[in-house]
Amino acid sequence: MKRLVVDLDDTLTVSDPERSYRDKEPNWPLVEKLRDYKADGFEIVINTARNMRTYQNSVGKINANTLPVIIDWLRAHDIPFDEIYVGKAWCGLDGFYVDDKAIRPREFLKLSLPEIHALLEADK
């Protein structure tokens, strides 16, 4: 299975605290790379913690209020996706995520698929 799981905020979007979620600017270089992977047969999954703090981890409220905004934004910018998962645990302002299959957005932009595989393999 060829599948990419991609974060939304500050990965697919450009960080700008002055803009609402609806008005966030896409990270165009990353979007273009996603389109390339989609054309190469990858499924694109969006996985986001958006509004987990706001709605105190209520995935039902996020589904009702946040998910429609996300879908509209993705479609408005022609960003490919096959699935969306909301409710990713929010790591807080001082925390971070640890994952053996993760790469940074800058690595995704810079590296080829074989280079990404080599990077992930090197950490095993």
PDB file of N, CA and C in Angstrom:
ATOM      1  N   MET A   1       0.845  -1.175   0.000  1.00  0.00           N
ATOM      2  CA  MET A   1       0.000   0.000   0.000  1.00  0.00           C
ATOM      3  C   MET A   1       0.892   1.241   0.000  1.00  0.00           C
ATOM      4  N   LYS A   2       0.628   2.137  -0.922  1.00  0.00           N
ATOM      5  CA  LYS A   2       1.362   3.404  -0.986  1.00  0.00           C
ATOM      6  C   LYS A   2       0.461   4.479  -0.395  1.00  0.00           C
ATOM      7  N   ARG A   3       0.867   4.979   0.758  1.00  0.00           N
ATOM      8  CA  ARG A   3      -0.002   5.887   1.505  1.00  0.00           C
ATOM      9  C   ARG A   3       0.831   6.949   2.198  1.00  0.00           C
ATOM     10  N   LEU A   4       0.410   8.198   2.094  1.00  0.00           N
ATOM     11  CA  LEU A   4       1.033   9.292   2.838  1.00  0.00           C
ATOM     12  C   LEU A   4       0.034   9.806   3.854  1.00  0.00           C
ATOM     13  N   VAL A   5       0.475   9.975   5.078  1.00  0.00           N
ATOM     14  CA  VAL A   5      -0.346  10.565   6.133  1.00  0.00           C
ATOM     15  C   VAL A   5       0.279  11.921   6.435  1.00  0.00           C
ATOM     16  N   VAL A   6      -0.487  12.982   6.206  1.00  0.00           N
ATOM     17  CA  VAL A   6       0.047  14.340   6.220  1.00  0.00           C
ATOM     18  C   VAL A   6      -0.703  15.189   7.237  1.00  0.00           C
ATOM     19  N   ASP A   7       0.050  15.938   8.019  1.00  0.00           N
ATOM     20  CA  ASP A   7      -0.526  16.899   8.958  1.00  0.00           C
ATOM     21  C   ASP A   7      -1.090  18.082   8.174  1.00  0.00           C
ATOM     22  N   LEU A   8      -2.000  18.798   8.785  1.00  0.00           N
ATOM     23  CA  LEU A   8      -2.642  19.937   8.125  1.00  0.00           C
ATOM     24  C   LEU A   8      -1.976  21.258   8.501  1.00  0.00           C
ATOM     25  N   ASP A   9      -2.124  21.668   9.752  1.00  0.00           N
ATOM     26  CA  ASP A   9      -1.681  23.005  10.162  1.00  0.00           C
ATOM     27  C   ASP A   9      -0.167  23.090  10.285  1.00  0.00           C
ATOM     28  N   ASP A  10       0.388  24.106   9.667  1.00  0.00           N
ATOM     29  CA  ASP A  10       1.832  24.374   9.633  1.00  0.00           C
ATOM     30  C   ASP A  10       2.604  23.306   8.863  1.00  0.00           C
ATOM     31  N   THR A  11       1.892  22.473   8.134  1.00  0.00           N
ATOM     32  CA  THR A  11       2.498  21.523   7.199  1.00  0.00           C
ATOM     33  C   THR A  11       1.897  21.801   5.827  1.00  0.00           C
ATOM     34  N   LEU A  12       0.608  21.523   5.669  1.00  0.00           N
ATOM     35  CA  LEU A  12      -0.078  21.894   4.430  1.00  0.00           C
ATOM     36  C   LEU A  12      -0.445  23.372   4.403  1.00  0.00           C
ATOM     37  N   THR A  13      -0.588  23.976   5.578  1.00  0.00           N
ATOM     38  CA  THR A  13      -0.869  25.413   5.642  1.00  0.00           C
ATOM     39  C   THR A  13       0.395  26.161   6.035  1.00  0.00           C
ATOM     40  N   VAL A  14       0.431  27.426   5.660  1.00  0.00           N
ATOM     41  CA  VAL A  14       1.513  28.312   6.076  1.00  0.00           C
ATOM     42  C   VAL A  14       1.109  28.920   7.413  1.00  0.00           C
ATOM     43  N   SER A  15       2.015  28.884   8.359  1.00  0.00           N
ATOM     44  CA  SER A  15       1.734  29.432   9.686  1.00  0.00           C
ATOM     45  C   SER A  15       1.524  30.940   9.595  1.00  0.00           C
ATOM     46  N   ASP A  16       0.361  31.391  10.012  1.00  0.00           N
ATOM     47  CA  ASP A  16       0.045  32.821  10.044  1.00  0.00           C
ATOM     48  C   ASP A  16      -1.052  33.029  11.081  1.00  0.00           C
ATOM     49  N   PRO A  17      -0.665  33.419  12.310  1.00  0.00           N
ATOM     50  CA  PRO A  17      -1.660  33.562  13.375  1.00  0.00           C
ATOM     51  C   PRO A  17      -2.698  34.655  13.111  1.00  0.00           C
ATOM     52  N   GLU A  18      -2.447  35.510  12.143  1.00  0.00           N
ATOM     53  CA  GLU A  18      -3.395  36.584  11.820  1.00  0.00           C
ATOM     54  C   GLU A  18      -4.556  36.090  10.954  1.00  0.00           C
ATOM     55  N   ARG A  19      -4.405  34.923  10.356  1.00  0.00           N
ATOM     56  CA  ARG A  19      -5.444  34.406   9.453  1.00  0.00           C
ATOM     57  C   ARG A  19      -6.283  33.334  10.134  1.00  0.00           C
ATOM     58  N   SER A  20      -7.563  33.331   9.809  1.00  0.00           N
ATOM     59  CA  SER A  20      -8.440  32.265  10.299  1.00  0.00           C
ATOM     60  C   SER A  20      -8.102  30.979   9.550  1.00  0.00           C
ATOM     61  N   TYR A  21      -8.576  29.856  10.073  1.00  0.00           N
ATOM     62  CA  TYR A  21      -8.336  28.583   9.399  1.00  0.00           C
ATOM     63  C   TYR A  21      -8.859  28.617   7.957  1.00  0.00           C
ATOM     64  N   ARG A  22      -9.992  29.227   7.772  1.00  0.00           N
ATOM     65  CA  ARG A  22     -10.620  29.302   6.451  1.00  0.00           C
ATOM     66  C   ARG A  22      -9.750  30.078   5.453  1.00  0.00           C
ATOM     67  N   ASP A  23      -8.951  31.018   5.975  1.00  0.00           N
ATOM     68  CA  ASP A  23      -8.154  31.899   5.117  1.00  0.00           C
ATOM     69  C   ASP A  23      -6.672  31.565   5.083  1.00  0.00           C
ATOM     70  N   LYS A  24      -6.289  30.440   5.666  1.00  0.00           N
ATOM     71  CA  LYS A  24      -4.868  30.060   5.662  1.00  0.00           C
ATOM     72  C   LYS A  24      -4.374  29.879   4.230  1.00  0.00           C
ATOM     73  N   GLU A  25      -3.132  30.260   4.008  1.00  0.00           N
ATOM     74  CA  GLU A  25      -2.486  30.074   2.709  1.00  0.00           C
ATOM     75  C   GLU A  25      -1.897  28.667   2.648  1.00  0.00           C
ATOM     76  N   PRO A  26      -2.082  27.968   1.540  1.00  0.00           N
ATOM     77  CA  PRO A  26      -1.453  26.649   1.406  1.00  0.00           C
ATOM     78  C   PRO A  26       0.068  26.768   1.297  1.00  0.00           C
ATOM     79  N   ASN A  27       0.736  25.751   1.734  1.00  0.00           N
ATOM     80  CA  ASN A  27       2.179  25.615   1.530  1.00  0.00           C
ATOM     81  C   ASN A  27       2.325  25.035   0.118  1.00  0.00           C
ATOM     82  N   TRP A  28       2.397  25.911  -0.868  1.00  0.00           N
ATOM     83  CA  TRP A  28       2.319  25.482  -2.266  1.00  0.00           C
ATOM     84  C   TRP A  28       3.390  24.478  -2.675  1.00  0.00           C
ATOM     85  N   PRO A  29       4.653  24.642  -2.271  1.00  0.00           N
ATOM     86  CA  PRO A  29       5.632  23.612  -2.649  1.00  0.00           C
ATOM     87  C   PRO A  29       5.246  22.224  -2.125  1.00  0.00           C
ATOM     88  N   LEU A  30       4.710  22.172  -0.911  1.00  0.00           N
ATOM     89  CA  LEU A  30       4.299  20.889  -0.350  1.00  0.00           C
ATOM     90  C   LEU A  30       3.078  20.339  -1.085  1.00  0.00           C
ATOM     91  N   VAL A  31       2.151  21.220  -1.435  1.00  0.00           N
ATOM     92  CA  VAL A  31       0.964  20.798  -2.189  1.00  0.00           C
ATOM     93  C   VAL A  31       1.381  20.201  -3.534  1.00  0.00           C
ATOM     94  N   GLU A  32       2.307  20.843  -4.214  1.00  0.00           N
ATOM     95  CA  GLU A  32       2.777  20.328  -5.508  1.00  0.00           C
ATOM     96  C   GLU A  32       3.406  18.941  -5.357  1.00  0.00           C
ATOM     97  N   LYS A  33       4.189  18.771  -4.298  1.00  0.00           N
ATOM     98  CA  LYS A  33       4.819  17.468  -4.050  1.00  0.00           C
ATOM     99  C   LYS A  33       3.743  16.413  -3.755  1.00  0.00           C
ATOM    100  N   LEU A  34       2.719  16.792  -2.995  1.00  0.00           N
ATOM    101  CA  LEU A  34       1.603  15.874  -2.729  1.00  0.00           C
ATOM    102  C   LEU A  34       0.919  15.455  -4.025  1.00  0.00           C
ATOM    103  N   ARG A  35       0.722  16.425  -4.910  1.00  0.00           N
ATOM    104  CA  ARG A  35       0.095  16.118  -6.201  1.00  0.00           C
ATOM    105  C   ARG A  35       0.941  15.116  -6.989  1.00  0.00           C
ATOM    106  N   ASP A  36       2.261  15.276  -6.925  1.00  0.00           N
ATOM    107  CA  ASP A  36       3.153  14.329  -7.603  1.00  0.00           C
ATOM    108  C   ASP A  36       2.992  12.920  -7.029  1.00  0.00           C
ATOM    109  N   TYR A  37       2.950  12.834  -5.693  1.00  0.00           N
ATOM    110  CA  TYR A  37       2.785  11.522  -5.058  1.00  0.00           C
ATOM    111  C   TYR A  37       1.420  10.923  -5.403  1.00  0.00           C
ATOM    112  N   LYS A  38       0.392  11.752  -5.426  1.00  0.00           N
ATOM    113  CA  LYS A  38      -0.950  11.270  -5.793  1.00  0.00           C
ATOM    114  C   LYS A  38      -0.934  10.723  -7.219  1.00  0.00           C
ATOM    115  N   ALA A  39      -0.281  11.435  -8.130  1.00  0.00           N
ATOM    116  CA  ALA A  39      -0.182  10.988  -9.520  1.00  0.00           C
ATOM    117  C   ALA A  39       0.603   9.681  -9.632  1.00  0.00           C
ATOM    118  N   ASP A  40       1.475   9.434  -8.659  1.00  0.00           N
ATOM    119  CA  ASP A  40       2.274   8.206  -8.637  1.00  0.00           C
ATOM    120  C   ASP A  40       1.537   7.055  -7.941  1.00  0.00           C
ATOM    121  N   GLY A  41       0.271   7.278  -7.590  1.00  0.00           N
ATOM    122  CA  GLY A  41      -0.536   6.196  -7.040  1.00  0.00           C
ATOM    123  C   GLY A  41      -0.653   6.154  -5.531  1.00  0.00           C
ATOM    124  N   PHE A  42      -0.157   7.160  -4.840  1.00  0.00           N
ATOM    125  CA  PHE A  42      -0.265   7.191  -3.385  1.00  0.00           C
ATOM    126  C   PHE A  42      -1.651   7.649  -2.963  1.00  0.00           C
ATOM    127  N   GLU A  43      -2.169   7.054  -1.887  1.00  0.00           N
ATOM    128  CA  GLU A  43      -3.346   7.595  -1.205  1.00  0.00           C
ATOM    129  C   GLU A  43      -2.859   8.692  -0.277  1.00  0.00           C
ATOM    130  N   ILE A  44      -3.635   9.757  -0.174  1.00  0.00           N
ATOM    131  CA  ILE A  44      -3.278  10.888   0.679  1.00  0.00           C
ATOM    132  C   ILE A  44      -4.276  10.944   1.834  1.00  0.00           C
ATOM    133  N   VAL A  45      -3.755  10.857   3.044  1.00  0.00           N
ATOM    134  CA  VAL A  45      -4.573  10.910   4.257  1.00  0.00           C
ATOM    135  C   VAL A  45      -4.172  12.155   5.038  1.00  0.00           C
ATOM    136  N   ILE A  46      -5.148  12.979   5.366  1.00  0.00           N
ATOM    137  CA  ILE A  46      -4.915  14.152   6.201  1.00  0.00           C
ATOM    138  C   ILE A  46      -5.212  13.735   7.638  1.00  0.00           C
ATOM    139  N   ASN A  47      -4.278  14.008   8.547  1.00  0.00           N
ATOM    140  CA  ASN A  47      -4.431  13.663   9.963  1.00  0.00           C
ATOM    141  C   ASN A  47      -4.155  14.926  10.771  1.00  0.00           C
ATOM    142  N   THR A  48      -5.159  15.413  11.481  1.00  0.00           N
ATOM    143  CA  THR A  48      -5.025  16.721  12.109  1.00  0.00           C
ATOM    144  C   THR A  48      -5.503  16.752  13.559  1.00  0.00           C
ATOM    145  N   ALA A  49      -4.848  17.588  14.325  1.00  0.00           N
ATOM    146  CA  ALA A  49      -5.250  17.873  15.705  1.00  0.00           C
ATOM    147  C   ALA A  49      -6.015  19.198  15.780  1.00  0.00           C
ATOM    148  N   ARG A  50      -6.377  19.760  14.629  1.00  0.00           N
ATOM    149  CA  ARG A  50      -7.038  21.066  14.615  1.00  0.00           C
ATOM    150  C   ARG A  50      -8.258  21.074  15.535  1.00  0.00           C
ATOM    151  N   ASN A  51      -8.301  22.080  16.388  1.00  0.00           N
ATOM    152  CA  ASN A  51      -9.388  22.347  17.339  1.00  0.00           C
ATOM    153  C   ASN A  51      -9.532  21.331  18.457  1.00  0.00           C
ATOM    154  N   MET A  52      -8.566  20.439  18.634  1.00  0.00           N
ATOM    155  CA  MET A  52      -8.631  19.499  19.760  1.00  0.00           C
ATOM    156  C   MET A  52      -8.630  20.245  21.091  1.00  0.00           C
ATOM    157  N   ARG A  53      -7.827  21.285  21.194  1.00  0.00           N
ATOM    158  CA  ARG A  53      -7.808  22.076  22.426  1.00  0.00           C
ATOM    159  C   ARG A  53      -9.094  22.893  22.537  1.00  0.00           C
ATOM    160  N   THR A  54      -9.499  23.520  21.448  1.00  0.00           N
ATOM    161  CA  THR A  54     -10.692  24.369  21.445  1.00  0.00           C
ATOM    162  C   THR A  54     -11.928  23.601  21.900  1.00  0.00           C
ATOM    163  N   TYR A  55     -12.093  22.388  21.375  1.00  0.00           N
ATOM    164  CA  TYR A  55     -13.272  21.581  21.689  1.00  0.00           C
ATOM    165  C   TYR A  55     -12.996  20.523  22.749  1.00  0.00           C
ATOM    166  N   GLN A  56     -11.927  20.695  23.497  1.00  0.00           N
ATOM    167  CA  GLN A  56     -11.572  19.819  24.618  1.00  0.00           C
ATOM    168  C   GLN A  56     -11.668  18.335  24.236  1.00  0.00           C
ATOM    169  N   ASN A  57     -11.027  17.997  23.118  1.00  0.00           N
ATOM    170  CA  ASN A  57     -10.929  16.616  22.626  1.00  0.00           C
ATOM    171  C   ASN A  57     -12.254  16.004  22.171  1.00  0.00           C
ATOM    172  N   SER A  58     -13.269  16.815  21.930  1.00  0.00           N
ATOM    173  CA  SER A  58     -14.559  16.297  21.467  1.00  0.00           C
ATOM    174  C   SER A  58     -14.525  16.123  19.946  1.00  0.00           C
ATOM    175  N   VAL A  59     -14.266  14.903  19.509  1.00  0.00           N
ATOM    176  CA  VAL A  59     -14.188  14.623  18.073  1.00  0.00           C
ATOM    177  C   VAL A  59     -15.541  14.866  17.402  1.00  0.00           C
ATOM    178  N   GLY A  60     -16.625  14.625  18.111  1.00  0.00           N
ATOM    179  CA  GLY A  60     -17.954  14.889  17.557  1.00  0.00           C
ATOM    180  C   GLY A  60     -18.141  16.354  17.205  1.00  0.00           C
ATOM    181  N   LYS A  61     -17.708  17.254  18.090  1.00  0.00           N
ATOM    182  CA  LYS A  61     -17.809  18.690  17.807  1.00  0.00           C
ATOM    183  C   LYS A  61     -16.877  19.087  16.667  1.00  0.00           C
ATOM    184  N   ILE A  62     -15.704  18.462  16.616  1.00  0.00           N
ATOM    185  CA  ILE A  62     -14.771  18.745  15.520  1.00  0.00           C
ATOM    186  C   ILE A  62     -15.373  18.264  14.199  1.00  0.00           C
ATOM    187  N   ASN A  63     -15.985  17.085  14.202  1.00  0.00           N
ATOM    188  CA  ASN A  63     -16.645  16.593  12.984  1.00  0.00           C
ATOM    189  C   ASN A  63     -17.734  17.553  12.525  1.00  0.00           C
ATOM    190  N   ALA A  64     -18.490  18.092  13.468  1.00  0.00           N
ATOM    191  CA  ALA A  64     -19.607  18.968  13.130  1.00  0.00           C
ATOM    192  C   ALA A  64     -19.160  20.365  12.711  1.00  0.00           C
ATOM    193  N   ASN A  65     -18.130  20.896  13.358  1.00  0.00           N
ATOM    194  CA  ASN A  65     -17.776  22.300  13.156  1.00  0.00           C
ATOM    195  C   ASN A  65     -16.496  22.537  12.367  1.00  0.00           C
ATOM    196  N   THR A  66     -15.518  21.691  12.534  1.00  0.00           N
ATOM    197  CA  THR A  66     -14.197  21.913  11.950  1.00  0.00           C
ATOM    198  C   THR A  66     -14.014  21.168  10.639  1.00  0.00           C
ATOM    199  N   LEU A  67     -14.482  19.951  10.579  1.00  0.00           N
ATOM    200  CA  LEU A  67     -14.279  19.130   9.384  1.00  0.00           C
ATOM    201  C   LEU A  67     -14.842  19.775   8.116  1.00  0.00           C
ATOM    202  N   PRO A  68     -16.048  20.380   8.144  1.00  0.00           N
ATOM    203  CA  PRO A  68     -16.533  21.037   6.923  1.00  0.00           C
ATOM    204  C   PRO A  68     -15.600  22.156   6.435  1.00  0.00           C
ATOM    205  N   VAL A  69     -15.007  22.899   7.358  1.00  0.00           N
ATOM    206  CA  VAL A  69     -14.071  23.967   6.986  1.00  0.00           C
ATOM    207  C   VAL A  69     -12.828  23.368   6.333  1.00  0.00           C
ATOM    208  N   ILE A  70     -12.340  22.266   6.897  1.00  0.00           N
ATOM    209  CA  ILE A  70     -11.159  21.594   6.341  1.00  0.00           C
ATOM    210  C   ILE A  70     -11.451  21.106   4.920  1.00  0.00           C
ATOM    211  N   ILE A  71     -12.564  20.431   4.739  1.00  0.00           N
ATOM    212  CA  ILE A  71     -12.914  19.896   3.416  1.00  0.00           C
ATOM    213  C   ILE A  71     -13.067  21.024   2.401  1.00  0.00           C
ATOM    214  N   ASP A  72     -13.768  22.091   2.777  1.00  0.00           N
ATOM    215  CA  ASP A  72     -13.929  23.234   1.871  1.00  0.00           C
ATOM    216  C   ASP A  72     -12.579  23.830   1.492  1.00  0.00           C
ATOM    217  N   TRP A  73     -11.676  23.966   2.466  1.00  0.00           N
ATOM    218  CA  TRP A  73     -10.356  24.551   2.221  1.00  0.00           C
ATOM    219  C   TRP A  73      -9.540  23.666   1.277  1.00  0.00           C
ATOM    220  N   LEU A  74      -9.530  22.365   1.527  1.00  0.00           N
ATOM    221  CA  LEU A  74      -8.792  21.445   0.661  1.00  0.00           C
ATOM    222  C   LEU A  74      -9.323  21.502  -0.770  1.00  0.00           C
ATOM    223  N   ARG A  75     -10.616  21.486  -0.926  1.00  0.00           N
ATOM    224  CA  ARG A  75     -11.220  21.525  -2.267  1.00  0.00           C
ATOM    225  C   ARG A  75     -10.992  22.874  -2.948  1.00  0.00           C
ATOM    226  N   ALA A  76     -11.091  23.958  -2.196  1.00  0.00           N
ATOM    227  CA  ALA A  76     -10.888  25.294  -2.773  1.00  0.00           C
ATOM    228  C   ALA A  76      -9.487  25.454  -3.349  1.00  0.00           C
ATOM    229  N   HIS A  77      -8.525  24.755  -2.763  1.00  0.00           N
ATOM    230  CA  HIS A  77      -7.131  24.868  -3.212  1.00  0.00           C
ATOM    231  C   HIS A  77      -6.690  23.658  -4.039  1.00  0.00           C
ATOM    232  N   ASP A  78      -7.648  22.800  -4.387  1.00  0.00           N
ATOM    233  CA  ASP A  78      -7.374  21.620  -5.211  1.00  0.00           C
ATOM    234  C   ASP A  78      -6.240  20.775  -4.635  1.00  0.00           C
ATOM    235  N   ILE A  79      -6.336  20.532  -3.331  1.00  0.00           N
ATOM    236  CA  ILE A  79      -5.342  19.716  -2.631  1.00  0.00           C
ATOM    237  C   ILE A  79      -5.871  18.283  -2.576  1.00  0.00           C
ATOM    238  N   PRO A  80      -5.095  17.335  -3.089  1.00  0.00           N
ATOM    239  CA  PRO A  80      -5.593  15.957  -3.139  1.00  0.00           C
ATOM    240  C   PRO A  80      -5.692  15.330  -1.749  1.00  0.00           C
ATOM    241  N   PHE A  81      -6.762  14.568  -1.542  1.00  0.00           N
ATOM    242  CA  PHE A  81      -6.902  13.787  -0.309  1.00  0.00           C
ATOM    243  C   PHE A  81      -7.875  12.651  -0.558  1.00  0.00           C
ATOM    244  N   ASP A  82      -7.644  11.552   0.126  1.00  0.00           N
ATOM    245  CA  ASP A  82      -8.534  10.399   0.049  1.00  0.00           C
ATOM    246  C   ASP A  82      -9.295  10.183   1.349  1.00  0.00           C
ATOM    247  N   GLU A  83      -8.666  10.559   2.451  1.00  0.00           N
ATOM    248  CA  GLU A  83      -9.274  10.401   3.772  1.00  0.00           C
ATOM    249  C   GLU A  83      -8.849  11.573   4.646  1.00  0.00           C
ATOM    250  N   ILE A  84      -9.656  11.842   5.670  1.00  0.00           N
ATOM    251  CA  ILE A  84      -9.304  12.842   6.678  1.00  0.00           C
ATOM    252  C   ILE A  84      -9.565  12.231   8.045  1.00  0.00           C
ATOM    253  N   TYR A  85      -8.561  12.287   8.895  1.00  0.00           N
ATOM    254  CA  TYR A  85      -8.707  11.864  10.285  1.00  0.00           C
ATOM    255  C   TYR A  85      -8.566  13.095  11.172  1.00  0.00           C
ATOM    256  N   VAL A  86      -9.608  13.382  11.929  1.00  0.00           N
ATOM    257  CA  VAL A  86      -9.538  14.435  12.934  1.00  0.00           C
ATOM    258  C   VAL A  86      -9.356  13.756  14.285  1.00  0.00           C
ATOM    259  N   GLY A  87      -8.998  14.527  15.276  1.00  0.00           N
ATOM    260  CA  GLY A  87      -8.866  13.965  16.615  1.00  0.00           C
ATOM    261  C   GLY A  87      -7.473  13.483  16.949  1.00  0.00           C
ATOM    262  N   LYS A  88      -6.486  13.841  16.117  1.00  0.00           N
ATOM    263  CA  LYS A  88      -5.099  13.501  16.462  1.00  0.00           C
ATOM    264  C   LYS A  88      -4.783  14.155  17.799  1.00  0.00           C
ATOM    265  N   ALA A  89      -4.173  13.417  18.678  1.00  0.00           N
ATOM    266  CA  ALA A  89      -3.837  13.974  19.996  1.00  0.00           C
ATOM    267  C   ALA A  89      -3.010  15.243  19.819  1.00  0.00           C
ATOM    268  N   TRP A  90      -3.394  16.284  20.537  1.00  0.00           N
ATOM    269  CA  TRP A  90      -2.667  17.553  20.469  1.00  0.00           C
ATOM    270  C   TRP A  90      -1.518  17.487  21.452  1.00  0.00           C
ATOM    271  N   CYS A  91      -0.310  17.768  20.986  1.00  0.00           N
ATOM    272  CA  CYS A  91       0.880  17.629  21.837  1.00  0.00           C
ATOM    273  C   CYS A  91       1.139  18.855  22.702  1.00  0.00           C
ATOM    274  N   GLY A  92       0.341  19.892  22.563  1.00  0.00           N
ATOM    275  CA  GLY A  92       0.546  21.096  23.356  1.00  0.00           C
ATOM    276  C   GLY A  92       1.599  22.000  22.739  1.00  0.00           C
ATOM    277  N   LEU A  93       1.751  23.162  23.326  1.00  0.00           N
ATOM    278  CA  LEU A  93       2.685  24.147  22.782  1.00  0.00           C
ATOM    279  C   LEU A  93       4.138  23.757  22.992  1.00  0.00           C
ATOM    280  N   ASP A  94       4.436  23.034  24.043  1.00  0.00           N
ATOM    281  CA  ASP A  94       5.821  22.658  24.339  1.00  0.00           C
ATOM    282  C   ASP A  94       6.134  21.206  24.003  1.00  0.00           C
ATOM    283  N   GLY A  95       5.154  20.459  23.533  1.00  0.00           N
ATOM    284  CA  GLY A  95       5.364  19.047  23.226  1.00  0.00           C
ATOM    285  C   GLY A  95       5.704  18.824  21.769  1.00  0.00           C
ATOM    286  N   PHE A  96       5.827  17.567  21.399  1.00  0.00           N
ATOM    287  CA  PHE A  96       6.101  17.191  20.011  1.00  0.00           C
ATOM    288  C   PHE A  96       5.707  15.739  19.804  1.00  0.00           C
ATOM    289  N   TYR A  97       5.724  15.315  18.556  1.00  0.00           N
ATOM    290  CA  TYR A  97       5.350  13.955  18.194  1.00  0.00           C
ATOM    291  C   TYR A  97       6.610  13.138  17.916  1.00  0.00           C
ATOM    292  N   VAL A  98       6.598  11.892  18.338  1.00  0.00           N
ATOM    293  CA  VAL A  98       7.689  10.959  18.062  1.00  0.00           C
ATOM    294  C   VAL A  98       7.078   9.802  17.279  1.00  0.00           C
ATOM    295  N   ASP A  99       7.632   9.530  16.104  1.00  0.00           N
ATOM    296  CA  ASP A  99       7.081   8.479  15.258  1.00  0.00           C
ATOM    297  C   ASP A  99       8.189   7.927  14.375  1.00  0.00           C
ATOM    298  N   ASP A 100       8.288   6.617  14.294  1.00  0.00           N
ATOM    299  CA  ASP A 100       9.365   5.998  13.518  1.00  0.00           C
ATOM    300  C   ASP A 100       9.184   6.137  12.010  1.00  0.00           C
ATOM    301  N   LYS A 101       8.025   6.541  11.556  1.00  0.00           N
ATOM    302  CA  LYS A 101       7.785   6.700  10.121  1.00  0.00           C
ATOM    303  C   LYS A 101       7.613   8.166   9.725  1.00  0.00           C
ATOM    304  N   ALA A 102       8.033   9.085  10.581  1.00  0.00           N
ATOM    305  CA  ALA A 102       7.808  10.506  10.333  1.00  0.00           C
ATOM    306  C   ALA A 102       9.013  11.170   9.677  1.00  0.00           C
ATOM    307  N   ILE A 103       8.709  12.128   8.808  1.00  0.00           N
ATOM    308  CA  ILE A 103       9.739  13.011   8.272  1.00  0.00           C
ATOM    309  C   ILE A 103       9.233  14.441   8.408  1.00  0.00           C
ATOM    310  N   ARG A 104      10.157  15.374   8.449  1.00  0.00           N
ATOM    311  CA  ARG A 104       9.807  16.793   8.553  1.00  0.00           C
ATOM    312  C   ARG A 104       9.325  17.296   7.190  1.00  0.00           C
ATOM    313  N   PRO A 105       8.474  18.322   7.167  1.00  0.00           N
ATOM    314  CA  PRO A 105       8.032  18.859   5.876  1.00  0.00           C
ATOM    315  C   PRO A 105       9.198  19.249   4.959  1.00  0.00           C
ATOM    316  N   ARG A 106      10.257  19.818   5.512  1.00  0.00           N
ATOM    317  CA  ARG A 106      11.399  20.215   4.670  1.00  0.00           C
ATOM    318  C   ARG A 106      12.075  18.991   4.047  1.00  0.00           C
ATOM    319  N   GLU A 107      12.096  17.864   4.770  1.00  0.00           N
ATOM    320  CA  GLU A 107      12.665  16.630   4.216  1.00  0.00           C
ATOM    321  C   GLU A 107      11.770  16.091   3.094  1.00  0.00           C
ATOM    322  N   PHE A 108      10.480  16.177   3.286  1.00  0.00           N
ATOM    323  CA  PHE A 108       9.527  15.744   2.269  1.00  0.00           C
ATOM    324  C   PHE A 108       9.732  16.527   0.974  1.00  0.00           C
ATOM    325  N   LEU A 109       9.974  17.831   1.116  1.00  0.00           N
ATOM    326  CA  LEU A 109      10.173  18.679  -0.058  1.00  0.00           C
ATOM    327  C   LEU A 109      11.512  18.423  -0.738  1.00  0.00           C
ATOM    328  N   LYS A 110      12.525  18.136   0.045  1.00  0.00           N
ATOM    329  CA  LYS A 110      13.893  18.057  -0.466  1.00  0.00           C
ATOM    330  C   LYS A 110      14.274  16.676  -0.994  1.00  0.00           C
ATOM    331  N   LEU A 111      13.758  15.626  -0.386  1.00  0.00           N
ATOM    332  CA  LEU A 111      14.238  14.275  -0.666  1.00  0.00           C
ATOM    333  C   LEU A 111      13.360  13.534  -1.671  1.00  0.00           C
ATOM    334  N   SER A 112      13.997  12.673  -2.434  1.00  0.00           N
ATOM    335  CA  SER A 112      13.259  11.771  -3.324  1.00  0.00           C
ATOM    336  C   SER A 112      12.688  10.625  -2.489  1.00  0.00           C
ATOM    337  N   LEU A 113      11.799   9.853  -3.081  1.00  0.00           N
ATOM    338  CA  LEU A 113      11.224   8.713  -2.366  1.00  0.00           C
ATOM    339  C   LEU A 113      12.300   7.723  -1.918  1.00  0.00           C
ATOM    340  N   PRO A 114      13.271   7.348  -2.769  1.00  0.00           N
ATOM    341  CA  PRO A 114      14.335   6.456  -2.285  1.00  0.00           C
ATOM    342  C   PRO A 114      15.153   7.073  -1.141  1.00  0.00           C
ATOM    343  N   GLU A 115      15.368   8.376  -1.181  1.00  0.00           N
ATOM    344  CA  GLU A 115      16.106   9.036  -0.096  1.00  0.00           C
ATOM    345  C   GLU A 115      15.298   9.034   1.202  1.00  0.00           C
ATOM    346  N   ILE A 116      13.992   9.200   1.092  1.00  0.00           N
ATOM    347  CA  ILE A 116      13.130   9.142   2.277  1.00  0.00           C
ATOM    348  C   ILE A 116      13.169   7.739   2.873  1.00  0.00           C
ATOM    349  N   HIS A 117      13.067   6.729   2.028  1.00  0.00           N
ATOM    350  CA  HIS A 117      13.131   5.342   2.522  1.00  0.00           C
ATOM    351  C   HIS A 117      14.468   5.084   3.208  1.00  0.00           C
ATOM    352  N   ALA A 118      15.559   5.578   2.634  1.00  0.00           N
ATOM    353  CA  ALA A 118      16.888   5.393   3.234  1.00  0.00           C
ATOM    354  C   ALA A 118      16.976   6.097   4.582  1.00  0.00           C
ATOM    355  N   LEU A 119      16.413   7.286   4.678  1.00  0.00           N
ATOM    356  CA  LEU A 119      16.417   8.032   5.937  1.00  0.00           C
ATOM    357  C   LEU A 119      15.665   7.262   7.020  1.00  0.00           C
ATOM    358  N   LEU A 120      14.493   6.750   6.685  1.00  0.00           N
ATOM    359  CA  LEU A 120      13.701   5.997   7.657  1.00  0.00           C
ATOM    360  C   LEU A 120      14.384   4.686   8.029  1.00  0.00           C
ATOM    361  N   GLU A 121      15.000   4.043   7.062  1.00  0.00           N
ATOM    362  CA  GLU A 121      15.698   2.774   7.305  1.00  0.00           C
ATOM    363  C   GLU A 121      16.911   2.971   8.210  1.00  0.00           C
ATOM    364  N   ALA A 122      17.572   4.109   8.089  1.00  0.00           N
ATOM    365  CA  ALA A 122      18.782   4.382   8.878  1.00  0.00           C
ATOM    366  C   ALA A 122      18.492   4.447  10.371  1.00  0.00           C
ATOM    367  N   ASP A 123      17.253   4.747  10.733  1.00  0.00           N
ATOM    368  CA  ASP A 123      16.887   4.865  12.147  1.00  0.00           C
ATOM    369  C   ASP A 123      16.398   3.557  12.753  1.00  0.00           C
ATOM    370  N   LYS A 124      16.390   2.482  11.995  1.00  0.00           N
ATOM    371  CA  LYS A 124      15.911   1.196  12.536  1.00  0.00           C
ATOM    372  C   LYS A 124      16.994   0.521  13.338  1.00  0.00           C
TER     373      LYS A 124
END
